[in-house]
């Protein structure tokens, strides 16, 4: 679904189930220019395996206001730097 409607930003949990994990999803989306924010209780794994993919890592439990702030900051930083999806039409 993400490939059909490529998002600007994805909130991703590390533990998604037994067949796929959030780091695998982030590995697919980040090179396409999607900003990644991990929202997870598995913060050690996010830091060791996914830090280079993530704009931010939020540790569960997390307040809604913290999520909204992280999303706002990530999108503002992208807008200020002019960084976007290279080679993709928006």
PDB file of N, CA and C in Angstrom:
ATOM      1  N   UNK A   1       0.828  -1.183   0.000  1.00  0.00           N
ATOM      2  CA  UNK A   1       0.000   0.000   0.000  1.00  0.00           C
ATOM      3  C   UNK A   1       0.882   1.259   0.000  1.00  0.00           C
ATOM      4  N   UNK A   2       1.979   1.224   0.736  1.00  0.00           N
ATOM      5  CA  UNK A   2       2.845   2.402   0.820  1.00  0.00           C
ATOM      6  C   UNK A   2       3.446   2.750  -0.537  1.00  0.00           C
ATOM      7  N   UNK A   3       3.722   1.753  -1.365  1.00  0.00           N
ATOM      8  CA  UNK A   3       4.272   2.032  -2.690  1.00  0.00           C
ATOM      9  C   UNK A   3       3.255   2.697  -3.600  1.00  0.00           C
ATOM     10  N   UNK A   4       1.978   2.402  -3.430  1.00  0.00           N
ATOM     11  CA  UNK A   4       0.933   3.010  -4.256  1.00  0.00           C
ATOM     12  C   UNK A   4       0.681   4.454  -3.863  1.00  0.00           C
ATOM     13  N   UNK A   5       0.749   4.745  -2.582  1.00  0.00           N
ATOM     14  CA  UNK A   5       0.528   6.097  -2.067  1.00  0.00           C
ATOM     15  C   UNK A   5       1.661   6.435  -1.114  1.00  0.00           C
ATOM     16  N   UNK A   6       2.815   6.710  -1.674  1.00  0.00           N
ATOM     17  CA  UNK A   6       4.024   6.914  -0.883  1.00  0.00           C
ATOM     18  C   UNK A   6       3.825   8.052   0.117  1.00  0.00           C
ATOM     19  N   UNK A   7       3.938   7.756   1.404  1.00  0.00           N
ATOM     20  CA  UNK A   7       3.731   8.792   2.421  1.00  0.00           C
ATOM     21  C   UNK A   7       4.961   9.687   2.552  1.00  0.00           C
ATOM     22  N   UNK A   8       4.763  10.859   3.132  1.00  0.00           N
ATOM     23  CA  UNK A   8       5.886  11.733   3.454  1.00  0.00           C
ATOM     24  C   UNK A   8       6.617  11.228   4.686  1.00  0.00           C
ATOM     25  N   UNK A   9       5.854  10.603   5.590  1.00  0.00           N
ATOM     26  CA  UNK A   9       6.393  10.188   6.873  1.00  0.00           C
ATOM     27  C   UNK A   9       5.679   8.921   7.324  1.00  0.00           C
ATOM     28  N   UNK A  10       6.423   8.046   8.000  1.00  0.00           N
ATOM     29  CA  UNK A  10       5.822   6.818   8.525  1.00  0.00           C
ATOM     30  C   UNK A  10       6.185   6.660   9.992  1.00  0.00           C
ATOM     31  N   UNK A  11       5.170   6.397  10.818  1.00  0.00           N
ATOM     32  CA  UNK A  11       5.371   6.027  12.216  1.00  0.00           C
ATOM     33  C   UNK A  11       5.405   4.512  12.235  1.00  0.00           C
ATOM     34  N   UNK A  12       6.513   3.944  12.674  1.00  0.00           N
ATOM     35  CA  UNK A  12       6.693   2.500  12.559  1.00  0.00           C
ATOM     36  C   UNK A  12       7.075   1.897  13.905  1.00  0.00           C
ATOM     37  N   UNK A  13       6.376   0.836  14.275  1.00  0.00           N
ATOM     38  CA  UNK A  13       6.734   0.047  15.445  1.00  0.00           C
ATOM     39  C   UNK A  13       7.751  -1.001  14.989  1.00  0.00           C
ATOM     40  N   UNK A  14       8.666  -1.383  15.852  1.00  0.00           N
ATOM     41  CA  UNK A  14       9.656  -2.397  15.496  1.00  0.00           C
ATOM     42  C   UNK A  14       9.018  -3.774  15.426  1.00  0.00           C
ATOM     43  N   UNK A  15       8.230  -4.111  16.422  1.00  0.00           N
ATOM     44  CA  UNK A  15       7.625  -5.443  16.496  1.00  0.00           C
ATOM     45  C   UNK A  15       6.253  -5.421  15.820  1.00  0.00           C
ATOM     46  N   UNK A  16       6.189  -5.894  14.584  1.00  0.00           N
ATOM     47  CA  UNK A  16       4.939  -5.890  13.823  1.00  0.00           C
ATOM     48  C   UNK A  16       4.285  -7.260  13.755  1.00  0.00           C
ATOM     49  N   UNK A  17       4.979  -8.261  14.127  1.00  0.00           N
ATOM     50  CA  UNK A  17       4.462  -9.619  14.046  1.00  0.00           C
ATOM     51  C   UNK A  17       5.595 -10.575  13.755  1.00  0.00           C
ATOM     52  N   UNK A  18       5.241 -11.754  13.375  1.00  0.00           N
ATOM     53  CA  UNK A  18       6.267 -12.775  13.179  1.00  0.00           C
ATOM     54  C   UNK A  18       6.871 -12.787  11.780  1.00  0.00           C
ATOM     55  N   UNK A  19       6.183 -12.274  10.780  1.00  0.00           N
ATOM     56  CA  UNK A  19       6.691 -12.383   9.417  1.00  0.00           C
ATOM     57  C   UNK A  19       7.475 -11.165   8.946  1.00  0.00           C
ATOM     58  N   UNK A  20       7.282 -10.020   9.583  1.00  0.00           N
ATOM     59  CA  UNK A  20       7.980  -8.798   9.168  1.00  0.00           C
ATOM     60  C   UNK A  20       8.179  -7.922  10.393  1.00  0.00           C
ATOM     61  N   UNK A  21       9.232  -7.110  10.360  1.00  0.00           N
ATOM     62  CA  UNK A  21       9.439  -6.180  11.460  1.00  0.00           C
ATOM     63  C   UNK A  21       9.572  -4.765  10.920  1.00  0.00           C
ATOM     64  N   UNK A  22       9.497  -3.813  11.830  1.00  0.00           N
ATOM     65  CA  UNK A  22       9.516  -2.416  11.444  1.00  0.00           C
ATOM     66  C   UNK A  22      10.817  -1.963  10.814  1.00  0.00           C
ATOM     67  N   UNK A  23      11.915  -2.569  11.196  1.00  0.00           N
ATOM     68  CA  UNK A  23      13.190  -2.184  10.586  1.00  0.00           C
ATOM     69  C   UNK A  23      13.215  -2.580   9.116  1.00  0.00           C
ATOM     70  N   UNK A  24      12.653  -3.729   8.799  1.00  0.00           N
ATOM     71  CA  UNK A  24      12.554  -4.144   7.394  1.00  0.00           C
ATOM     72  C   UNK A  24      11.691  -3.167   6.591  1.00  0.00           C
ATOM     73  N   UNK A  25      10.589  -2.748   7.188  1.00  0.00           N
ATOM     74  CA  UNK A  25       9.714  -1.774   6.515  1.00  0.00           C
ATOM     75  C   UNK A  25      10.463  -0.462   6.314  1.00  0.00           C
ATOM     76  N   UNK A  26      11.151   0.006   7.348  1.00  0.00           N
ATOM     77  CA  UNK A  26      11.905   1.251   7.242  1.00  0.00           C
ATOM     78  C   UNK A  26      13.013   1.155   6.193  1.00  0.00           C
ATOM     79  N   UNK A  27      13.640  -0.002   6.091  1.00  0.00           N
ATOM     80  CA  UNK A  27      14.692  -0.223   5.096  1.00  0.00           C
ATOM     81  C   UNK A  27      14.157  -0.079   3.679  1.00  0.00           C
ATOM     82  N   UNK A  28      12.907  -0.427   3.489  1.00  0.00           N
ATOM     83  CA  UNK A  28      12.273  -0.285   2.175  1.00  0.00           C
ATOM     84  C   UNK A  28      11.851   1.165   1.904  1.00  0.00           C
ATOM     85  N   UNK A  29      11.319   1.846   2.924  1.00  0.00           N
ATOM     86  CA  UNK A  29      10.736   3.173   2.724  1.00  0.00           C
ATOM     87  C   UNK A  29      11.749   4.318   2.764  1.00  0.00           C
ATOM     88  N   UNK A  30      12.732   4.248   3.637  1.00  0.00           N
ATOM     89  CA  UNK A  30      13.686   5.350   3.800  1.00  0.00           C
ATOM     90  C   UNK A  30      14.407   5.720   2.497  1.00  0.00           C
ATOM     91  N   UNK A  31      14.883   4.755   1.701  1.00  0.00           N
ATOM     92  CA  UNK A  31      15.553   5.123   0.451  1.00  0.00           C
ATOM     93  C   UNK A  31      14.627   5.818  -0.563  1.00  0.00           C
ATOM     94  N   UNK A  32      13.325   5.696  -0.354  1.00  0.00           N
ATOM     95  CA  UNK A  32      12.352   6.353  -1.230  1.00  0.00           C
ATOM     96  C   UNK A  32      12.040   7.771  -0.768  1.00  0.00           C
ATOM     97  N   UNK A  33      12.710   8.208   0.303  1.00  0.00           N
ATOM     98  CA  UNK A  33      12.523   9.564   0.799  1.00  0.00           C
ATOM     99  C   UNK A  33      11.461   9.699   1.867  1.00  0.00           C
ATOM    100  N   UNK A  34      10.966   8.594   2.374  1.00  0.00           N
ATOM    101  CA  UNK A  34       9.961   8.639   3.431  1.00  0.00           C
ATOM    102  C   UNK A  34      10.665   8.846   4.765  1.00  0.00           C
ATOM    103  N   UNK A  35      10.244   9.860   5.505  1.00  0.00           N
ATOM    104  CA  UNK A  35      10.784  10.073   6.840  1.00  0.00           C
ATOM    105  C   UNK A  35      10.273   8.965   7.752  1.00  0.00           C
ATOM    106  N   UNK A  36      11.140   8.455   8.603  1.00  0.00           N
ATOM    107  CA  UNK A  36      10.798   7.349   9.498  1.00  0.00           C
ATOM    108  C   UNK A  36      10.904   7.815  10.945  1.00  0.00           C
ATOM    109  N   UNK A  37       9.851   7.584  11.703  1.00  0.00           N
ATOM    110  CA  UNK A  37       9.886   7.766  13.147  1.00  0.00           C
ATOM    111  C   UNK A  37       9.493   6.429  13.753  1.00  0.00           C
ATOM    112  N   UNK A  38      10.428   5.836  14.493  1.00  0.00           N
ATOM    113  CA  UNK A  38      10.110   4.591  15.195  1.00  0.00           C
ATOM    114  C   UNK A  38       9.368   4.938  16.481  1.00  0.00           C
ATOM    115  N   UNK A  39       8.270   4.249  16.721  1.00  0.00           N
ATOM    116  CA  UNK A  39       7.507   4.356  17.966  1.00  0.00           C
ATOM    117  C   UNK A  39       7.483   2.938  18.512  1.00  0.00           C
ATOM    118  N   UNK A  40       8.316   2.675  19.510  1.00  0.00           N
ATOM    119  CA  UNK A  40       8.560   1.285  19.881  1.00  0.00           C
ATOM    120  C   UNK A  40       8.997   1.120  21.333  1.00  0.00           C
ATOM    121  N   UNK A  41       8.747  -0.043  21.854  1.00  0.00           N
ATOM    122  CA  UNK A  41       9.293  -0.421  23.159  1.00  0.00           C
ATOM    123  C   UNK A  41      10.672  -1.057  22.979  1.00  0.00           C
ATOM    124  N   UNK A  42      11.004  -1.421  21.747  1.00  0.00           N
ATOM    125  CA  UNK A  42      12.289  -2.059  21.426  1.00  0.00           C
ATOM    126  C   UNK A  42      13.321  -0.997  21.044  1.00  0.00           C
ATOM    127  N   UNK A  43      13.509  -0.031  21.920  1.00  0.00           N
ATOM    128  CA  UNK A  43      14.373   1.101  21.595  1.00  0.00           C
ATOM    129  C   UNK A  43      15.833   0.704  21.387  1.00  0.00           C
ATOM    130  N   UNK A  44      16.325  -0.310  22.091  1.00  0.00           N
ATOM    131  CA  UNK A  44      17.722  -0.729  21.889  1.00  0.00           C
ATOM    132  C   UNK A  44      17.923  -1.228  20.467  1.00  0.00           C
ATOM    133  N   UNK A  45      16.975  -1.999  19.991  1.00  0.00           N
ATOM    134  CA  UNK A  45      17.082  -2.505  18.622  1.00  0.00           C
ATOM    135  C   UNK A  45      16.945  -1.366  17.608  1.00  0.00           C
ATOM    136  N   UNK A  46      16.055  -0.445  17.890  1.00  0.00           N
ATOM    137  CA  UNK A  46      15.891   0.704  16.991  1.00  0.00           C
ATOM    138  C   UNK A  46      17.182   1.500  16.893  1.00  0.00           C
ATOM    139  N   UNK A  47      17.850   1.682  18.015  1.00  0.00           N
ATOM    140  CA  UNK A  47      19.099   2.443  18.031  1.00  0.00           C
ATOM    141  C   UNK A  47      20.214   1.684  17.327  1.00  0.00           C
ATOM    142  N   UNK A  48      20.328   0.375  17.592  1.00  0.00           N
ATOM    143  CA  UNK A  48      21.438  -0.379  17.020  1.00  0.00           C
ATOM    144  C   UNK A  48      21.232  -0.753  15.556  1.00  0.00           C
ATOM    145  N   UNK A  49      20.003  -1.048  15.171  1.00  0.00           N
ATOM    146  CA  UNK A  49      19.757  -1.519  13.807  1.00  0.00           C
ATOM    147  C   UNK A  49      19.069  -0.505  12.900  1.00  0.00           C
ATOM    148  N   UNK A  50      18.412   0.490  13.481  1.00  0.00           N
ATOM    149  CA  UNK A  50      17.618   1.377  12.645  1.00  0.00           C
ATOM    150  C   UNK A  50      17.917   2.849  12.768  1.00  0.00           C
ATOM    151  N   UNK A  51      18.916   3.210  13.548  1.00  0.00           N
ATOM    152  CA  UNK A  51      19.206   4.625  13.792  1.00  0.00           C
ATOM    153  C   UNK A  51      19.441   5.408  12.498  1.00  0.00           C
ATOM    154  N   UNK A  52      20.173   4.827  11.576  1.00  0.00           N
ATOM    155  CA  UNK A  52      20.484   5.550  10.338  1.00  0.00           C
ATOM    156  C   UNK A  52      19.258   5.735   9.452  1.00  0.00           C
ATOM    157  N   UNK A  53      18.219   4.977   9.713  1.00  0.00           N
ATOM    158  CA  UNK A  53      16.983   5.077   8.932  1.00  0.00           C
ATOM    159  C   UNK A  53      16.004   6.081   9.517  1.00  0.00           C
ATOM    160  N   UNK A  54      16.134   6.372  10.806  1.00  0.00           N
ATOM    161  CA  UNK A  54      15.101   7.098  11.527  1.00  0.00           C
ATOM    162  C   UNK A  54      15.402   8.581  11.699  1.00  0.00           C
ATOM    163  N   UNK A  55      14.361   9.363  11.554  1.00  0.00           N
ATOM    164  CA  UNK A  55      14.418  10.775  11.894  1.00  0.00           C
ATOM    165  C   UNK A  55      14.358  10.936  13.403  1.00  0.00           C
ATOM    166  N   UNK A  56      13.612  10.043  14.055  1.00  0.00           N
ATOM    167  CA  UNK A  56      13.462  10.082  15.499  1.00  0.00           C
ATOM    168  C   UNK A  56      13.085   8.684  16.000  1.00  0.00           C
ATOM    169  N   UNK A  57      13.343   8.448  17.272  1.00  0.00           N
ATOM    170  CA  UNK A  57      12.933   7.200  17.916  1.00  0.00           C
ATOM    171  C   UNK A  57      12.194   7.577  19.192  1.00  0.00           C
ATOM    172  N   UNK A  58      10.941   7.192  19.275  1.00  0.00           N
ATOM    173  CA  UNK A  58      10.123   7.464  20.446  1.00  0.00           C
ATOM    174  C   UNK A  58       9.889   6.153  21.178  1.00  0.00           C
ATOM    175  N   UNK A  59      10.074   6.182  22.485  1.00  0.00           N
ATOM    176  CA  UNK A  59       9.987   4.968  23.288  1.00  0.00           C
ATOM    177  C   UNK A  59       8.609   4.869  23.931  1.00  0.00           C
ATOM    178  N   UNK A  60       7.943   3.735  23.683  1.00  0.00           N
ATOM    179  CA  UNK A  60       6.632   3.488  24.280  1.00  0.00           C
ATOM    180  C   UNK A  60       6.772   3.263  25.769  1.00  0.00           C
ATOM    181  N   UNK A  61       5.806   3.653  26.550  1.00  0.00           N
ATOM    182  CA  UNK A  61       4.610   4.389  26.141  1.00  0.00           C
ATOM    183  C   UNK A  61       4.987   5.835  25.835  1.00  0.00           C
ATOM    184  N   UNK A  62       4.300   6.405  24.887  1.00  0.00           N
ATOM    185  CA  UNK A  62       4.598   7.768  24.453  1.00  0.00           C
ATOM    186  C   UNK A  62       3.292   8.568  24.387  1.00  0.00           C
ATOM    187  N   UNK A  63       3.388   9.799  24.795  1.00  0.00           N
ATOM    188  CA  UNK A  63       2.219  10.676  24.768  1.00  0.00           C
ATOM    189  C   UNK A  63       1.893  11.106  23.338  1.00  0.00           C
ATOM    190  N   UNK A  64       0.627  11.289  23.078  1.00  0.00           N
ATOM    191  CA  UNK A  64       0.191  11.765  21.761  1.00  0.00           C
ATOM    192  C   UNK A  64       0.866  13.090  21.418  1.00  0.00           C
ATOM    193  N   UNK A  65       0.985  13.972  22.399  1.00  0.00           N
ATOM    194  CA  UNK A  65       1.615  15.274  22.153  1.00  0.00           C
ATOM    195  C   UNK A  65       3.079  15.117  21.731  1.00  0.00           C
ATOM    196  N   UNK A  66       3.759  14.116  22.261  1.00  0.00           N
ATOM    197  CA  UNK A  66       5.152  13.858  21.883  1.00  0.00           C
ATOM    198  C   UNK A  66       5.232  13.387  20.434  1.00  0.00           C
ATOM    199  N   UNK A  67       4.303  12.543  20.044  1.00  0.00           N
ATOM    200  CA  UNK A  67       4.257  12.075  18.657  1.00  0.00           C
ATOM    201  C   UNK A  67       3.989  13.247  17.718  1.00  0.00           C
ATOM    202  N   UNK A  68       3.008  14.060  18.061  1.00  0.00           N
ATOM    203  CA  UNK A  68       2.671  15.209  17.206  1.00  0.00           C
ATOM    204  C   UNK A  68       3.848  16.170  17.075  1.00  0.00           C
ATOM    205  N   UNK A  69       4.561  16.390  18.161  1.00  0.00           N
ATOM    206  CA  UNK A  69       5.745  17.263  18.112  1.00  0.00           C
ATOM    207  C   UNK A  69       6.822  16.664  17.212  1.00  0.00           C
ATOM    208  N   UNK A  70       7.087  15.372  17.352  1.00  0.00           N
ATOM    209  CA  UNK A  70       8.108  14.711  16.532  1.00  0.00           C
ATOM    210  C   UNK A  70       7.757  14.783  15.047  1.00  0.00           C
ATOM    211  N   UNK A  71       6.493  14.565  14.727  1.00  0.00           N
ATOM    212  CA  UNK A  71       6.047  14.639  13.324  1.00  0.00           C
ATOM    213  C   UNK A  71       6.206  16.063  12.800  1.00  0.00           C
ATOM    214  N   UNK A  72       5.772  17.029  13.572  1.00  0.00           N
ATOM    215  CA  UNK A  72       5.879  18.432  13.160  1.00  0.00           C
ATOM    216  C   UNK A  72       7.324  18.836  12.926  1.00  0.00           C
ATOM    217  N   UNK A  73       8.196  18.483  13.851  1.00  0.00           N
ATOM    218  CA  UNK A  73       9.617  18.839  13.729  1.00  0.00           C
ATOM    219  C   UNK A  73      10.224  18.179  12.491  1.00  0.00           C
ATOM    220  N   UNK A  74       9.945  16.904  12.276  1.00  0.00           N
ATOM    221  CA  UNK A  74      10.506  16.188  11.120  1.00  0.00           C
ATOM    222  C   UNK A  74      10.061  16.819   9.809  1.00  0.00           C
ATOM    223  N   UNK A  75       8.778  17.132   9.707  1.00  0.00           N
ATOM    224  CA  UNK A  75       8.265  17.727   8.465  1.00  0.00           C
ATOM    225  C   UNK A  75       8.784  19.147   8.267  1.00  0.00           C
ATOM    226  N   UNK A  76       8.924  19.913   9.354  1.00  0.00           N
ATOM    227  CA  UNK A  76       9.480  21.264   9.246  1.00  0.00           C
ATOM    228  C   UNK A  76      10.943  21.223   8.818  1.00  0.00           C
ATOM    229  N   UNK A  77      11.705  20.297   9.383  1.00  0.00           N
ATOM    230  CA  UNK A  77      13.112  20.182   9.002  1.00  0.00           C
ATOM    231  C   UNK A  77      13.247  19.826   7.531  1.00  0.00           C
ATOM    232  N   UNK A  78      12.408  18.928   7.062  1.00  0.00           N
ATOM    233  CA  UNK A  78      12.452  18.575   5.638  1.00  0.00           C
ATOM    234  C   UNK A  78      12.137  19.790   4.780  1.00  0.00           C
ATOM    235  N   UNK A  79      11.127  20.542   5.165  1.00  0.00           N
ATOM    236  CA  UNK A  79      10.733  21.718   4.393  1.00  0.00           C
ATOM    237  C   UNK A  79      11.842  22.769   4.394  1.00  0.00           C
ATOM    238  N   UNK A  80      12.473  22.983   5.553  1.00  0.00           N
ATOM    239  CA  UNK A  80      13.539  23.977   5.665  1.00  0.00           C
ATOM    240  C   UNK A  80      14.777  23.598   4.872  1.00  0.00           C
ATOM    241  N   UNK A  81      15.106  22.322   4.838  1.00  0.00           N
ATOM    242  CA  UNK A  81      16.309  21.897   4.121  1.00  0.00           C
ATOM    243  C   UNK A  81      16.030  21.672   2.635  1.00  0.00           C
ATOM    244  N   UNK A  82      14.760  21.584   2.296  1.00  0.00           N
ATOM    245  CA  UNK A  82      14.407  21.326   0.905  1.00  0.00           C
ATOM    246  C   UNK A  82      14.617  19.885   0.505  1.00  0.00           C
ATOM    247  N   UNK A  83      14.933  19.045   1.483  1.00  0.00           N
ATOM    248  CA  UNK A  83      15.149  17.630   1.192  1.00  0.00           C
ATOM    249  C   UNK A  83      13.809  16.976   0.953  1.00  0.00           C
ATOM    250  N   UNK A  84      13.767  16.188  -0.063  1.00  0.00           N
ATOM    251  CA  UNK A  84      12.532  15.471  -0.379  1.00  0.00           C
ATOM    252  C   UNK A  84      12.867  14.192  -1.079  1.00  0.00           C
ATOM    253  N   UNK A  85      11.898  13.669  -1.730  1.00  0.00           N
ATOM    254  CA  UNK A  85      12.113  12.435  -2.465  1.00  0.00           C
ATOM    255  C   UNK A  85      12.773  12.743  -3.787  1.00  0.00           C
ATOM    256  N   UNK A  86      14.009  12.350  -3.922  1.00  0.00           N
ATOM    257  CA  UNK A  86      14.732  12.615  -5.162  1.00  0.00           C
ATOM    258  C   UNK A  86      14.225  11.697  -6.268  1.00  0.00           C
ATOM    259  N   UNK A  87      13.939  12.310  -7.383  1.00  0.00           N
ATOM    260  CA  UNK A  87      13.526  11.524  -8.535  1.00  0.00           C
ATOM    261  C   UNK A  87      12.083  11.073  -8.509  1.00  0.00           C
ATOM    262  N   UNK A  88      11.338  11.452  -7.509  1.00  0.00           N
ATOM    263  CA  UNK A  88       9.943  11.043  -7.451  1.00  0.00           C
ATOM    264  C   UNK A  88       9.072  12.275  -7.567  1.00  0.00           C
ATOM    265  N   UNK A  89       7.968  12.124  -8.253  1.00  0.00           N
ATOM    266  CA  UNK A  89       7.049  13.243  -8.351  1.00  0.00           C
ATOM    267  C   UNK A  89       6.190  13.292  -7.100  1.00  0.00           C
ATOM    268  N   UNK A  90       5.928  14.506  -6.631  1.00  0.00           N
ATOM    269  CA  UNK A  90       5.128  14.664  -5.415  1.00  0.00           C
ATOM    270  C   UNK A  90       3.792  15.269  -5.763  1.00  0.00           C
TER     271      UNK A  90
END
